[in-house]
Amino acid sequence: MCMNRLKELRENSDLLQREIAKYLGITQRNYSYFETSQTMLTADILIKLADFYNTNIDYLLYRTDVKQAYPKSVVDKEYIEV
């Protein structure tokens, strides 16, 4: 399901699959598999995509419609308290 959101974010940013793939350090073909749900996204790819689009992983995974990225200080505190 998040694959359609990836395509939407990429197209709204006027980017090609190969440009996102280069940023991620993967091939364009592998990236296209993410957008078409042929390959599951890994945690490290999700993190990179959320950072790249300045959004949050929950948005990419359709767990929320709030596109805004989480504040870094909140994330840092969560890691410290665990």
Protein backbone atom coordinates (compact mmCIF):
# COMPACT_ATOMS: atom_id res chain seq x y z
CA MET A 1 0.00 0.00 0.00
CA CYS A 2 2.75 2.50 0.81
CA MET A 3 4.10 1.98 -2.68
CA ASN A 4 1.46 4.28 -4.20
CA ARG A 5 2.37 6.94 -1.69
CA LEU A 6 6.03 6.60 -2.70
CA LYS A 7 5.12 7.17 -6.32
CA GLU A 8 2.93 10.12 -5.39
CA LEU A 9 5.71 11.75 -3.36
CA ARG A 10 8.26 11.16 -6.11
CA GLU A 11 6.05 12.52 -8.88
CA ASN A 12 5.00 15.54 -6.80
CA SER A 13 8.72 16.29 -6.40
CA ASP A 14 9.26 15.99 -10.18
CA LEU A 15 11.81 13.22 -9.70
CA LEU A 16 12.54 10.09 -11.67
CA GLN A 17 12.84 6.63 -10.17
CA ARG A 18 16.53 6.56 -11.08
CA GLU A 19 17.15 9.76 -9.09
CA ILE A 20 15.59 8.32 -5.94
CA ALA A 21 17.37 5.01 -6.52
CA LYS A 22 20.71 6.80 -6.75
CA TYR A 23 20.04 8.58 -3.45
CA LEU A 24 19.18 5.23 -1.85
CA GLY A 25 22.18 3.47 -3.35
CA ILE A 26 20.11 0.91 -5.25
CA THR A 27 19.23 0.28 -8.88
CA GLN A 28 16.26 1.91 -10.58
CA ARG A 29 14.77 -1.55 -11.08
CA ASN A 30 14.94 -2.32 -7.36
CA TYR A 31 13.31 1.01 -6.58
CA SER A 32 10.54 0.32 -9.08
CA TYR A 33 9.82 -2.92 -7.22
CA PHE A 34 9.11 -0.87 -4.09
CA GLU A 35 6.61 1.33 -5.93
CA THR A 36 4.84 -1.66 -7.46
CA SER A 37 4.75 -3.72 -4.24
CA GLN A 38 6.94 -6.45 -5.68
CA THR A 39 9.52 -5.99 -2.91
CA MET A 40 9.02 -5.15 0.76
CA LEU A 41 10.66 -1.99 2.03
CA THR A 42 13.40 -2.47 4.58
CA ALA A 43 13.71 -0.33 7.69
CA ASP A 44 16.82 1.45 6.41
CA ILE A 45 15.13 2.32 3.10
CA LEU A 46 12.03 3.59 4.92
CA ILE A 47 14.18 5.82 7.11
CA LYS A 48 16.06 7.23 4.12
CA LEU A 49 12.84 7.90 2.23
CA ALA A 50 11.19 9.58 5.21
CA ASP A 51 14.25 11.79 5.64
CA PHE A 52 14.44 12.56 1.93
CA TYR A 53 10.79 13.62 1.68
CA ASN A 54 10.84 15.27 5.13
CA THR A 55 7.96 13.10 6.29
CA ASN A 56 7.52 10.24 8.72
CA ILE A 57 7.50 6.49 8.26
CA ASP A 58 3.92 6.21 9.46
CA TYR A 59 2.88 8.44 6.56
CA LEU A 60 4.75 6.24 4.09
CA LEU A 61 3.04 3.16 5.53
CA TYR A 62 -0.47 4.73 5.52
CA ARG A 63 -0.63 4.62 9.33
CA THR A 64 -1.42 8.36 9.30
CA ASP A 65 -2.37 11.03 6.81
CA VAL A 66 -0.20 13.58 8.64
CA LYS A 67 2.71 14.19 6.30
CA GLN A 68 4.80 16.31 8.66
CA ALA A 69 8.04 14.78 9.91
CA TYR A 70 8.39 14.08 13.60
CA PRO A 71 10.55 16.60 15.47
CA LYS A 72 14.09 15.30 15.91
CA SER A 73 14.14 16.08 19.64
CA VAL A 74 11.15 13.80 20.24
CA VAL A 75 12.81 10.97 18.35
CA ASP A 76 16.09 11.42 20.23
CA LYS A 77 14.30 11.34 23.61
CA GLU A 78 12.50 8.14 22.67
CA TYR A 79 15.81 6.40 21.95
CA ILE A 80 17.33 7.59 25.21
CA GLU A 81 14.35 6.50 27.34
CA VAL A 82 14.20 2.97 25.91
